Amino acid sequence: MQNNSGKTRALTGVAIITAIVIVLQLIGGGIRLGTFSVSLVLVPIVIGAAMYGAWAGAWLGLVFGVVVLLTGDAAAFLGVNALGTILTVLVKGTAAGLCAGLVYHALERKNRYVAVIAAAVVCPVVNTGLFLIGCELFFMDTIRGWGAALGFESVGAYMIGGLVGLNFVFELVVNVVLGPVIVRLINAGKKGQ
């Protein structure tokens, strides 16, 4: 059990990372690869999950989802099915952070570096995977129409190639490169204290 000082540090750390998630999502909203803006916030979500636990990852993912909804990044889907959009966006962000934290903490005793790389992979996979599931559940007719209008022969090709392909690759590479480096620097700083 953490003492009050440890709890205060954890809450302060999560609060700082929450602010970073908000700012990065606002900045990332202007950077687009394909249909959607890139999710630069997955890196601090992984870092928060690794440093403070799965609960912190879930919180940071939820904040990410709320900011996506408030900034209009999901506007195209809100017009089709508002409840489906809200559920998809909030669940995918929360689950991505939660799963990153669970994976990190399951592997950290064996090897922290491998644990953070695994968490950095899991986060965008869960985020994108749940987005695709949400598309299947709530928006398939609309997505089929979007794909046909752009000349895609199959809805699957459009979903992978048109909706998520470039974003997913970008998010995965950024997470796998930056996540472990930043966590290693933070851990080195803790040892120097």
N, C-alpha and C. Protein backbone atom coordinates (compact mmCIF):
# COMPACT_ATOMS: atom_id res chain seq x y z
N MET A 1 0.84 -1.18 0.00
CA MET A 1 0.00 0.00 0.00
C MET A 1 0.89 1.25 0.00
N GLN A 2 0.57 2.19 -0.88
CA GLN A 2 1.35 3.41 -0.97
C GLN A 2 1.04 4.32 0.21
N ASN A 3 2.07 5.02 0.66
CA ASN A 3 1.83 6.03 1.69
C ASN A 3 1.23 7.27 1.04
N ASN A 4 0.87 8.25 1.85
CA ASN A 4 0.25 9.47 1.31
C ASN A 4 1.15 10.18 0.32
N SER A 5 2.45 10.19 0.57
CA SER A 5 3.39 10.83 -0.34
C SER A 5 3.39 10.13 -1.70
N GLY A 6 3.38 8.81 -1.68
CA GLY A 6 3.34 8.04 -2.93
C GLY A 6 2.04 8.24 -3.69
N LYS A 7 0.93 8.32 -2.96
CA LYS A 7 -0.37 8.56 -3.60
C LYS A 7 -0.41 9.95 -4.21
N THR A 8 0.15 10.91 -3.50
CA THR A 8 0.18 12.28 -4.01
C THR A 8 1.02 12.36 -5.27
N ARG A 9 2.18 11.70 -5.27
CA ARG A 9 3.03 11.68 -6.48
C ARG A 9 2.29 11.04 -7.65
N ALA A 10 1.61 9.93 -7.38
CA ALA A 10 0.89 9.24 -8.45
C ALA A 10 -0.23 10.12 -9.01
N LEU A 11 -1.01 10.73 -8.13
CA LEU A 11 -2.08 11.60 -8.59
C LEU A 11 -1.54 12.81 -9.36
N THR A 12 -0.45 13.36 -8.88
CA THR A 12 0.17 14.49 -9.57
C THR A 12 0.69 14.06 -10.94
N GLY A 13 1.35 12.91 -10.99
CA GLY A 13 1.86 12.40 -12.26
C GLY A 13 0.75 12.14 -13.26
N VAL A 14 -0.33 11.52 -12.80
CA VAL A 14 -1.47 11.25 -13.69
C VAL A 14 -2.11 12.56 -14.14
N ALA A 15 -2.19 13.55 -13.27
CA ALA A 15 -2.76 14.85 -13.64
C ALA A 15 -1.92 15.52 -14.72
N ILE A 16 -0.61 15.46 -14.57
CA ILE A 16 0.28 16.06 -15.57
C ILE A 16 0.14 15.35 -16.90
N ILE A 17 0.10 14.02 -16.87
CA ILE A 17 -0.05 13.26 -18.12
C ILE A 17 -1.44 13.50 -18.73
N THR A 18 -2.45 13.69 -17.89
CA THR A 18 -3.78 14.02 -18.40
C THR A 18 -3.74 15.32 -19.20
N ALA A 19 -3.04 16.31 -18.68
CA ALA A 19 -2.90 17.59 -19.39
C ALA A 19 -2.16 17.38 -20.71
N ILE A 20 -1.14 16.54 -20.70
CA ILE A 20 -0.39 16.25 -21.92
C ILE A 20 -1.30 15.57 -22.95
N VAL A 21 -2.13 14.63 -22.50
CA VAL A 21 -3.07 13.95 -23.41
C VAL A 21 -3.99 14.98 -24.07
N ILE A 22 -4.52 15.90 -23.28
CA ILE A 22 -5.44 16.90 -23.82
C ILE A 22 -4.73 17.78 -24.85
N VAL A 23 -3.56 18.27 -24.51
CA VAL A 23 -2.82 19.15 -25.42
C VAL A 23 -2.42 18.40 -26.70
N LEU A 24 -1.91 17.18 -26.56
CA LEU A 24 -1.50 16.43 -27.75
C LEU A 24 -2.69 16.09 -28.65
N GLN A 25 -3.85 15.81 -28.07
CA GLN A 25 -5.01 15.53 -28.91
C GLN A 25 -5.46 16.80 -29.63
N LEU A 26 -5.38 17.93 -28.96
CA LEU A 26 -5.74 19.19 -29.62
C LEU A 26 -4.77 19.50 -30.76
N ILE A 27 -3.47 19.27 -30.53
CA ILE A 27 -2.46 19.50 -31.58
C ILE A 27 -2.60 18.46 -32.68
N GLY A 28 -2.74 17.19 -32.28
CA GLY A 28 -2.84 16.10 -33.25
C GLY A 28 -4.06 16.19 -34.12
N GLY A 29 -5.10 16.89 -33.65
CA GLY A 29 -6.31 17.05 -34.45
C GLY A 29 -6.06 17.75 -35.76
N GLY A 30 -4.99 18.51 -35.85
CA GLY A 30 -4.65 19.21 -37.08
C GLY A 30 -3.74 18.42 -38.01
N ILE A 31 -3.26 17.28 -37.56
CA ILE A 31 -2.37 16.43 -38.36
C ILE A 31 -3.17 15.25 -38.86
N ARG A 32 -3.30 15.13 -40.15
CA ARG A 32 -4.12 14.05 -40.72
C ARG A 32 -3.29 13.17 -41.64
N LEU A 33 -3.51 11.88 -41.48
CA LEU A 33 -3.01 10.87 -42.41
C LEU A 33 -4.24 10.09 -42.85
N GLY A 34 -4.69 10.32 -44.04
CA GLY A 34 -5.91 9.67 -44.47
C GLY A 34 -7.12 10.41 -43.93
N THR A 35 -8.11 9.66 -43.49
CA THR A 35 -9.39 10.23 -43.08
C THR A 35 -9.36 10.93 -41.74
N PHE A 36 -8.61 10.40 -40.79
CA PHE A 36 -8.67 10.89 -39.42
C PHE A 36 -7.36 11.52 -38.98
N SER A 37 -7.44 12.29 -37.90
CA SER A 37 -6.23 12.86 -37.33
C SER A 37 -5.45 11.76 -36.62
N VAL A 38 -4.16 11.95 -36.53
CA VAL A 38 -3.31 10.95 -35.87
C VAL A 38 -3.47 11.07 -34.37
N SER A 39 -3.31 9.95 -33.69
CA SER A 39 -3.45 9.93 -32.24
C SER A 39 -2.08 9.93 -31.59
N LEU A 40 -1.53 11.10 -31.41
CA LEU A 40 -0.25 11.24 -30.72
C LEU A 40 -0.39 10.91 -29.24
N VAL A 41 -1.62 10.92 -28.74
CA VAL A 41 -1.86 10.73 -27.31
C VAL A 41 -1.64 9.29 -26.85
N LEU A 42 -1.48 8.37 -27.75
CA LEU A 42 -1.29 6.99 -27.32
C LEU A 42 0.04 6.83 -26.58
N VAL A 43 1.03 7.62 -26.91
CA VAL A 43 2.32 7.54 -26.20
C VAL A 43 2.17 7.91 -24.73
N PRO A 44 1.60 9.06 -24.38
CA PRO A 44 1.45 9.34 -22.94
C PRO A 44 0.48 8.38 -22.24
N ILE A 45 -0.46 7.82 -22.98
CA ILE A 45 -1.34 6.82 -22.37
C ILE A 45 -0.52 5.60 -21.96
N VAL A 46 0.36 5.14 -22.83
CA VAL A 46 1.23 4.00 -22.51
C VAL A 46 2.16 4.35 -21.35
N ILE A 47 2.72 5.54 -21.39
CA ILE A 47 3.63 5.96 -20.32
C ILE A 47 2.90 6.01 -18.98
N GLY A 48 1.72 6.62 -18.96
CA GLY A 48 0.93 6.67 -17.73
C GLY A 48 0.56 5.30 -17.23
N ALA A 49 0.18 4.41 -18.14
CA ALA A 49 -0.18 3.04 -17.75
C ALA A 49 1.01 2.30 -17.18
N ALA A 50 2.19 2.51 -17.78
CA ALA A 50 3.40 1.83 -17.30
C ALA A 50 3.85 2.38 -15.95
N MET A 51 3.75 3.68 -15.77
CA MET A 51 4.24 4.30 -14.55
C MET A 51 3.27 4.18 -13.37
N TYR A 52 1.97 4.26 -13.66
CA TYR A 52 0.99 4.38 -12.58
C TYR A 52 -0.05 3.27 -12.54
N GLY A 53 -0.04 2.39 -13.52
CA GLY A 53 -0.95 1.25 -13.47
C GLY A 53 -2.06 1.31 -14.51
N ALA A 54 -2.77 0.20 -14.58
CA ALA A 54 -3.83 0.06 -15.56
C ALA A 54 -4.96 1.07 -15.33
N TRP A 55 -5.25 1.40 -14.06
CA TRP A 55 -6.30 2.38 -13.77
C TRP A 55 -5.94 3.73 -14.40
N ALA A 56 -4.67 4.10 -14.35
CA ALA A 56 -4.23 5.37 -14.94
C ALA A 56 -4.34 5.30 -16.46
N GLY A 57 -3.95 4.17 -17.04
CA GLY A 57 -4.09 4.01 -18.48
C GLY A 57 -5.54 4.13 -18.93
N ALA A 58 -6.45 3.51 -18.16
CA ALA A 58 -7.88 3.58 -18.49
C ALA A 58 -8.37 5.03 -18.40
N TRP A 59 -7.97 5.74 -17.34
CA TRP A 59 -8.36 7.14 -17.17
C TRP A 59 -7.86 7.99 -18.34
N LEU A 60 -6.59 7.83 -18.68
CA LEU A 60 -6.00 8.62 -19.76
C LEU A 60 -6.67 8.31 -21.10
N GLY A 61 -7.00 7.04 -21.32
CA GLY A 61 -7.73 6.66 -22.53
C GLY A 61 -9.12 7.27 -22.58
N LEU A 62 -9.78 7.32 -21.42
CA LEU A 62 -11.10 7.95 -21.35
C LEU A 62 -11.00 9.44 -21.67
N VAL A 63 -10.01 10.10 -21.10
CA VAL A 63 -9.81 11.53 -21.38
C VAL A 63 -9.56 11.74 -22.88
N PHE A 64 -8.76 10.90 -23.47
CA PHE A 64 -8.52 10.94 -24.92
C PHE A 64 -9.84 10.88 -25.66
N GLY A 65 -10.71 9.93 -25.30
CA GLY A 65 -12.00 9.79 -25.97
C GLY A 65 -12.88 11.01 -25.81
N VAL A 66 -12.92 11.56 -24.61
CA VAL A 66 -13.73 12.75 -24.36
C VAL A 66 -13.25 13.92 -25.22
N VAL A 67 -11.93 14.10 -25.31
CA VAL A 67 -11.39 15.20 -26.12
C VAL A 67 -11.71 14.98 -27.60
N VAL A 68 -11.63 13.75 -28.07
CA VAL A 68 -12.00 13.45 -29.46
C VAL A 68 -13.45 13.88 -29.72
N LEU A 69 -14.32 13.55 -28.80
CA LEU A 69 -15.74 13.91 -28.97
C LEU A 69 -15.94 15.42 -28.92
N LEU A 70 -15.25 16.09 -28.00
CA LEU A 70 -15.45 17.54 -27.83
C LEU A 70 -14.85 18.37 -28.96
N THR A 71 -13.80 17.85 -29.61
CA THR A 71 -13.14 18.63 -30.67
C THR A 71 -13.77 18.42 -32.04
N GLY A 72 -14.72 17.50 -32.13
CA GLY A 72 -15.37 17.28 -33.42
C GLY A 72 -14.65 16.31 -34.33
N ASP A 73 -13.62 15.64 -33.81
CA ASP A 73 -12.88 14.69 -34.64
C ASP A 73 -13.74 13.49 -35.04
N ALA A 74 -14.82 13.27 -34.32
CA ALA A 74 -15.72 12.16 -34.64
C ALA A 74 -17.02 12.66 -35.27
N ALA A 75 -17.03 13.89 -35.76
CA ALA A 75 -18.26 14.52 -36.26
C ALA A 75 -18.92 13.74 -37.39
N ALA A 76 -18.13 13.17 -38.29
CA ALA A 76 -18.71 12.42 -39.41
C ALA A 76 -19.53 11.25 -38.91
N PHE A 77 -19.11 10.65 -37.81
CA PHE A 77 -19.83 9.50 -37.25
C PHE A 77 -20.98 9.93 -36.35
N LEU A 78 -20.82 11.06 -35.65
CA LEU A 78 -21.89 11.54 -34.77
C LEU A 78 -23.18 11.78 -35.54
N GLY A 79 -23.06 12.26 -36.77
CA GLY A 79 -24.23 12.51 -37.60
C GLY A 79 -24.94 11.24 -38.05
N VAL A 80 -24.23 10.14 -38.05
CA VAL A 80 -24.80 8.86 -38.47
C VAL A 80 -25.46 8.16 -37.30
N ASN A 81 -24.76 8.09 -36.16
CA ASN A 81 -25.28 7.39 -34.98
C ASN A 81 -24.55 7.96 -33.77
N ALA A 82 -25.18 8.91 -33.10
CA ALA A 82 -24.54 9.61 -31.99
C ALA A 82 -24.19 8.66 -30.84
N LEU A 83 -25.12 7.82 -30.42
CA LEU A 83 -24.85 6.91 -29.31
C LEU A 83 -23.74 5.91 -29.68
N GLY A 84 -23.80 5.38 -30.90
CA GLY A 84 -22.75 4.46 -31.35
C GLY A 84 -21.39 5.11 -31.39
N THR A 85 -21.35 6.38 -31.80
CA THR A 85 -20.09 7.12 -31.84
C THR A 85 -19.54 7.32 -30.44
N ILE A 86 -20.38 7.79 -29.54
CA ILE A 86 -19.94 8.04 -28.16
C ILE A 86 -19.43 6.75 -27.52
N LEU A 87 -20.18 5.67 -27.67
CA LEU A 87 -19.75 4.38 -27.10
C LEU A 87 -18.42 3.92 -27.71
N THR A 88 -18.34 3.97 -29.01
CA THR A 88 -17.12 3.51 -29.68
C THR A 88 -15.91 4.31 -29.24
N VAL A 89 -16.02 5.63 -29.26
CA VAL A 89 -14.89 6.50 -28.95
C VAL A 89 -14.45 6.34 -27.49
N LEU A 90 -15.40 6.32 -26.57
CA LEU A 90 -15.03 6.22 -25.16
C LEU A 90 -14.52 4.82 -24.80
N VAL A 91 -15.15 3.79 -25.33
CA VAL A 91 -14.73 2.42 -25.02
C VAL A 91 -13.36 2.12 -25.62
N LYS A 92 -13.12 2.54 -26.85
CA LYS A 92 -11.83 2.21 -27.48
C LYS A 92 -10.66 2.89 -26.77
N GLY A 93 -10.83 4.15 -26.38
CA GLY A 93 -9.76 4.85 -25.68
C GLY A 93 -9.49 4.25 -24.30
N THR A 94 -10.57 4.04 -23.55
CA THR A 94 -10.44 3.48 -22.20
C THR A 94 -9.82 2.08 -22.25
N ALA A 95 -10.31 1.25 -23.14
CA ALA A 95 -9.79 -0.12 -23.25
C ALA A 95 -8.34 -0.14 -23.71
N ALA A 96 -7.97 0.77 -24.61
CA ALA A 96 -6.58 0.83 -25.08
C ALA A 96 -5.64 1.13 -23.92
N GLY A 97 -5.99 2.10 -23.08
CA GLY A 97 -5.16 2.44 -21.92
C GLY A 97 -5.15 1.34 -20.88
N LEU A 98 -6.30 0.76 -20.61
CA LEU A 98 -6.40 -0.33 -19.64
C LEU A 98 -5.57 -1.53 -20.08
N CYS A 99 -5.73 -1.94 -21.33
CA CYS A 99 -4.98 -3.10 -21.83
C CYS A 99 -3.48 -2.85 -21.85
N ALA A 100 -3.07 -1.63 -22.21
CA ALA A 100 -1.64 -1.29 -22.19
C ALA A 100 -1.10 -1.45 -20.78
N GLY A 101 -1.84 -0.97 -19.80
CA GLY A 101 -1.41 -1.09 -18.41
C GLY A 101 -1.36 -2.53 -17.93
N LEU A 102 -2.36 -3.31 -18.29
CA LEU A 102 -2.39 -4.72 -17.88
C LEU A 102 -1.23 -5.50 -18.50
N VAL A 103 -0.96 -5.26 -19.77
CA VAL A 103 0.14 -5.94 -20.44
C VAL A 103 1.48 -5.53 -19.84
N TYR A 104 1.66 -4.23 -19.61
CA TYR A 104 2.91 -3.76 -19.03
C TYR A 104 3.15 -4.44 -17.68
N HIS A 105 2.15 -4.40 -16.83
CA HIS A 105 2.33 -4.93 -15.47
C HIS A 105 2.42 -6.45 -15.44
N ALA A 106 1.90 -7.13 -16.45
CA ALA A 106 2.05 -8.58 -16.52
C ALA A 106 3.48 -8.97 -16.90
N LEU A 107 4.16 -8.09 -17.63
CA LEU A 107 5.51 -8.42 -18.14
C LEU A 107 6.65 -7.69 -17.43
N GLU A 108 6.36 -6.68 -16.64
CA GLU A 108 7.43 -5.82 -16.11
C GLU A 108 8.43 -6.55 -15.22
N ARG A 109 8.01 -7.56 -14.49
CA ARG A 109 8.95 -8.27 -13.61
C ARG A 109 9.96 -9.07 -14.40
N LYS A 110 9.58 -9.52 -15.59
CA LYS A 110 10.50 -10.27 -16.43
C LYS A 110 11.47 -9.34 -17.15
N ASN A 111 10.92 -8.25 -17.74
CA ASN A 111 11.77 -7.32 -18.48
C ASN A 111 10.96 -6.04 -18.74
N ARG A 112 11.34 -4.95 -18.10
CA ARG A 112 10.60 -3.69 -18.24
C ARG A 112 10.62 -3.16 -19.68
N TYR A 113 11.74 -3.34 -20.36
CA TYR A 113 11.85 -2.84 -21.73
C TYR A 113 10.88 -3.60 -22.64
N VAL A 114 10.84 -4.91 -22.51
CA VAL A 114 9.90 -5.72 -23.30
C VAL A 114 8.47 -5.37 -22.91
N ALA A 115 8.24 -5.14 -21.62
CA ALA A 115 6.90 -4.79 -21.15
C ALA A 115 6.39 -3.50 -21.77
N VAL A 116 7.23 -2.49 -21.85
CA VAL A 116 6.78 -1.22 -22.41
C VAL A 116 6.62 -1.32 -23.93
N ILE A 117 7.44 -2.10 -24.59
CA ILE A 117 7.25 -2.31 -26.04
C ILE A 117 5.93 -3.04 -26.28
N ALA A 118 5.66 -4.07 -25.49
CA ALA A 118 4.41 -4.81 -25.64
C ALA A 118 3.21 -3.89 -25.39
N ALA A 119 3.29 -3.07 -24.36
CA ALA A 119 2.20 -2.13 -24.07
C ALA A 119 2.06 -1.11 -25.20
N ALA A 120 3.18 -0.69 -25.77
CA ALA A 120 3.17 0.28 -26.88
C ALA A 120 2.55 -0.32 -28.14
N VAL A 121 2.64 -1.62 -28.30
CA VAL A 121 2.00 -2.30 -29.43
C VAL A 121 0.51 -2.51 -29.14
N VAL A 122 0.21 -2.95 -27.93
CA VAL A 122 -1.18 -3.27 -27.57
C VAL A 122 -2.08 -2.04 -27.65
N CYS A 123 -1.61 -0.90 -27.23
CA CYS A 123 -2.43 0.31 -27.17
C CYS A 123 -3.04 0.68 -28.54
N PRO A 124 -2.25 0.85 -29.59
CA PRO A 124 -2.87 1.18 -30.88
C PRO A 124 -3.64 0.01 -31.49
N VAL A 125 -3.23 -1.22 -31.20
CA VAL A 125 -3.98 -2.38 -31.72
C VAL A 125 -5.39 -2.40 -31.14
N VAL A 126 -5.50 -2.22 -29.83
CA VAL A 126 -6.82 -2.20 -29.18
C VAL A 126 -7.61 -0.99 -29.65
N ASN A 127 -6.99 0.17 -29.70
CA ASN A 127 -7.66 1.40 -30.13
C ASN A 127 -8.25 1.23 -31.54
N THR A 128 -7.43 0.78 -32.46
CA THR A 128 -7.87 0.62 -33.85
C THR A 128 -8.83 -0.56 -33.98
N GLY A 129 -8.54 -1.65 -33.30
CA GLY A 129 -9.41 -2.82 -33.38
C GLY A 129 -10.82 -2.52 -32.90
N LEU A 130 -10.94 -1.83 -31.77
CA LEU A 130 -12.27 -1.48 -31.26
C LEU A 130 -12.96 -0.43 -32.13
N PHE A 131 -12.18 0.43 -32.76
CA PHE A 131 -12.77 1.36 -33.72
C PHE A 131 -13.40 0.58 -34.87
N LEU A 132 -12.68 -0.40 -35.40
CA LEU A 132 -13.21 -1.21 -36.51
C LEU A 132 -14.45 -2.00 -36.09
N ILE A 133 -14.43 -2.52 -34.87
CA ILE A 133 -15.61 -3.23 -34.36
C ILE A 133 -16.79 -2.26 -34.23
N GLY A 134 -16.52 -1.06 -33.72
CA GLY A 134 -17.57 -0.04 -33.64
C GLY A 134 -18.12 0.31 -35.02
N CYS A 135 -17.24 0.39 -36.00
CA CYS A 135 -17.68 0.65 -37.38
C CYS A 135 -18.62 -0.45 -37.85
N GLU A 136 -18.24 -1.68 -37.59
CA GLU A 136 -19.06 -2.84 -37.98
C GLU A 136 -20.43 -2.79 -37.29
N LEU A 137 -20.45 -2.47 -36.01
CA LEU A 137 -21.70 -2.49 -35.25
C LEU A 137 -22.63 -1.32 -35.57
N PHE A 138 -22.07 -0.14 -35.79
CA PHE A 138 -22.91 1.06 -35.83
C PHE A 138 -22.94 1.80 -37.17
N PHE A 139 -21.96 1.59 -38.04
CA PHE A 139 -21.82 2.48 -39.20
C PHE A 139 -21.62 1.77 -40.54
N MET A 140 -21.86 0.48 -40.61
CA MET A 140 -21.45 -0.28 -41.78
C MET A 140 -22.10 0.21 -43.08
N ASP A 141 -23.38 0.52 -43.08
CA ASP A 141 -24.02 0.98 -44.31
C ASP A 141 -23.39 2.29 -44.80
N THR A 142 -23.14 3.20 -43.87
CA THR A 142 -22.52 4.48 -44.23
C THR A 142 -21.11 4.27 -44.75
N ILE A 143 -20.34 3.43 -44.08
CA ILE A 143 -18.95 3.17 -44.49
C ILE A 143 -18.91 2.50 -45.85
N ARG A 144 -19.83 1.59 -46.09
CA ARG A 144 -19.91 0.94 -47.40
C ARG A 144 -20.14 2.00 -48.49
N GLY A 145 -21.02 2.96 -48.23
CA GLY A 145 -21.27 4.05 -49.18
C GLY A 145 -20.06 4.94 -49.39
N TRP A 146 -19.35 5.26 -48.29
CA TRP A 146 -18.14 6.07 -48.41
C TRP A 146 -17.10 5.36 -49.28
N GLY A 147 -16.92 4.07 -49.02
CA GLY A 147 -15.93 3.29 -49.78
C GLY A 147 -16.28 3.22 -51.25
N ALA A 148 -17.54 2.97 -51.56
CA ALA A 148 -17.98 2.89 -52.96
C ALA A 148 -17.79 4.23 -53.66
N ALA A 149 -18.10 5.31 -52.97
CA ALA A 149 -17.94 6.65 -53.56
C ALA A 149 -16.48 6.95 -53.88
N LEU A 150 -15.56 6.34 -53.14
CA LEU A 150 -14.13 6.56 -53.38
C LEU A 150 -13.53 5.51 -54.31
N GLY A 151 -14.35 4.60 -54.81
CA GLY A 151 -13.88 3.61 -55.78
C GLY A 151 -13.34 2.32 -55.20
N PHE A 152 -13.53 2.09 -53.91
CA PHE A 152 -13.09 0.82 -53.31
C PHE A 152 -14.08 -0.27 -53.67
N GLU A 153 -13.56 -1.42 -54.06
CA GLU A 153 -14.43 -2.53 -54.47
C GLU A 153 -15.04 -3.26 -53.29
N SER A 154 -14.37 -3.24 -52.13
CA SER A 154 -14.93 -3.91 -50.96
C SER A 154 -14.86 -2.98 -49.76
N VAL A 155 -15.83 -3.19 -48.86
CA VAL A 155 -15.86 -2.37 -47.66
C VAL A 155 -14.64 -2.66 -46.78
N GLY A 156 -14.18 -3.91 -46.77
CA GLY A 156 -12.99 -4.27 -45.98
C GLY A 156 -11.75 -3.53 -46.47
N ALA A 157 -11.58 -3.46 -47.77
CA ALA A 157 -10.43 -2.73 -48.33
C ALA A 157 -10.50 -1.26 -47.97
N TYR A 158 -11.70 -0.69 -48.00
CA TYR A 158 -11.85 0.71 -47.62
C TYR A 158 -11.56 0.92 -46.13
N MET A 159 -12.07 0.03 -45.30
CA MET A 159 -11.85 0.19 -43.86
C MET A 159 -10.37 0.13 -43.51
N ILE A 160 -9.66 -0.80 -44.11
CA ILE A 160 -8.23 -0.93 -43.81
C ILE A 160 -7.41 0.11 -44.59
N GLY A 161 -7.64 0.22 -45.86
CA GLY A 161 -6.84 1.13 -46.69
C GLY A 161 -7.25 2.59 -46.59
N GLY A 162 -8.54 2.85 -46.46
CA GLY A 162 -9.01 4.21 -46.47
C GLY A 162 -9.23 4.82 -45.09
N LEU A 163 -9.71 4.03 -44.16
CA LEU A 163 -10.05 4.58 -42.84
C LEU A 163 -8.89 4.54 -41.86
N VAL A 164 -8.25 3.38 -41.71
CA VAL A 164 -7.31 3.24 -40.59
C VAL A 164 -5.87 2.93 -40.97
N GLY A 165 -5.60 2.52 -42.16
CA GLY A 165 -4.29 2.02 -42.54
C GLY A 165 -3.11 2.89 -42.17
N LEU A 166 -3.04 4.09 -42.75
CA LEU A 166 -1.89 4.97 -42.50
C LEU A 166 -1.83 5.42 -41.04
N ASN A 167 -2.98 5.76 -40.47
CA ASN A 167 -3.00 6.19 -39.07
C ASN A 167 -2.49 5.09 -38.15
N PHE A 168 -2.95 3.88 -38.37
CA PHE A 168 -2.54 2.78 -37.50
C PHE A 168 -1.03 2.56 -37.57
N VAL A 169 -0.48 2.54 -38.77
CA VAL A 169 0.97 2.33 -38.92
C VAL A 169 1.73 3.46 -38.24
N PHE A 170 1.32 4.70 -38.46
CA PHE A 170 1.97 5.84 -37.83
C PHE A 170 1.91 5.73 -36.30
N GLU A 171 0.71 5.47 -35.77
CA GLU A 171 0.54 5.37 -34.32
C GLU A 171 1.38 4.23 -33.73
N LEU A 172 1.43 3.11 -34.42
CA LEU A 172 2.19 1.97 -33.94
C LEU A 172 3.69 2.29 -33.90
N VAL A 173 4.20 2.86 -34.97
CA VAL A 173 5.63 3.18 -35.04
C VAL A 173 5.99 4.23 -33.99
N VAL A 174 5.20 5.29 -33.87
CA VAL A 174 5.47 6.34 -32.89
C VAL A 174 5.46 5.76 -31.48
N ASN A 175 4.48 4.92 -31.18
CA ASN A 175 4.39 4.31 -29.86
C ASN A 175 5.58 3.42 -29.55
N VAL A 176 5.93 2.57 -30.49
CA VAL A 176 7.02 1.61 -30.25
C VAL A 176 8.36 2.31 -30.15
N VAL A 177 8.54 3.41 -30.86
CA VAL A 177 9.81 4.15 -30.79
C VAL A 177 9.87 5.04 -29.55
N LEU A 178 8.85 5.85 -29.33
CA LEU A 178 8.91 6.84 -28.26
C LEU A 178 8.58 6.30 -26.88
N GLY A 179 7.60 5.42 -26.78
CA GLY A 179 7.18 4.90 -25.48
C GLY A 179 8.32 4.34 -24.65
N PRO A 180 9.06 3.37 -25.17
CA PRO A 180 10.16 2.80 -24.39
C PRO A 180 11.25 3.81 -24.05
N VAL A 181 11.55 4.72 -24.96
CA VAL A 181 12.60 5.71 -24.71
C VAL A 181 12.19 6.63 -23.56
N ILE A 182 10.96 7.10 -23.60
CA ILE A 182 10.51 8.03 -22.56
C ILE A 182 10.42 7.34 -21.20
N VAL A 183 9.87 6.12 -21.17
CA VAL A 183 9.79 5.40 -19.89
C VAL A 183 11.19 5.12 -19.35
N ARG A 184 12.12 4.78 -20.21
CA ARG A 184 13.50 4.54 -19.77
C ARG A 184 14.12 5.81 -19.19
N LEU A 185 13.88 6.95 -19.82
CA LEU A 185 14.41 8.22 -19.31
C LEU A 185 13.79 8.57 -17.96
N ILE A 186 12.49 8.34 -17.83
CA ILE A 186 11.82 8.63 -16.55
C ILE A 186 12.37 7.73 -15.45
N ASN A 187 12.53 6.44 -15.76
CA ASN A 187 13.06 5.51 -14.76
C ASN A 187 14.50 5.86 -14.39
N ALA A 188 15.30 6.32 -15.36
CA ALA A 188 16.67 6.75 -15.07
C ALA A 188 16.65 7.97 -14.16
N GLY A 189 15.71 8.88 -14.40
CA GLY A 189 15.58 10.06 -13.55
C GLY A 189 15.19 9.70 -12.12
N LYS A 190 14.33 8.68 -11.98
CA LYS A 190 13.92 8.23 -10.64
C LYS A 190 15.11 7.66 -9.89
N LYS A 191 15.97 6.93 -10.58
CA LYS A 191 17.14 6.32 -9.93
C LYS A 191 18.13 7.38 -9.49
N GLY A 192 18.16 8.51 -10.23
CA GLY A 192 19.11 9.58 -9.91
C GLY A 192 18.66 10.45 -8.74
N GLN A 193 17.43 10.25 -8.28
CA GLN A 193 16.92 11.08 -7.18
C GLN A 193 17.50 10.67 -5.85
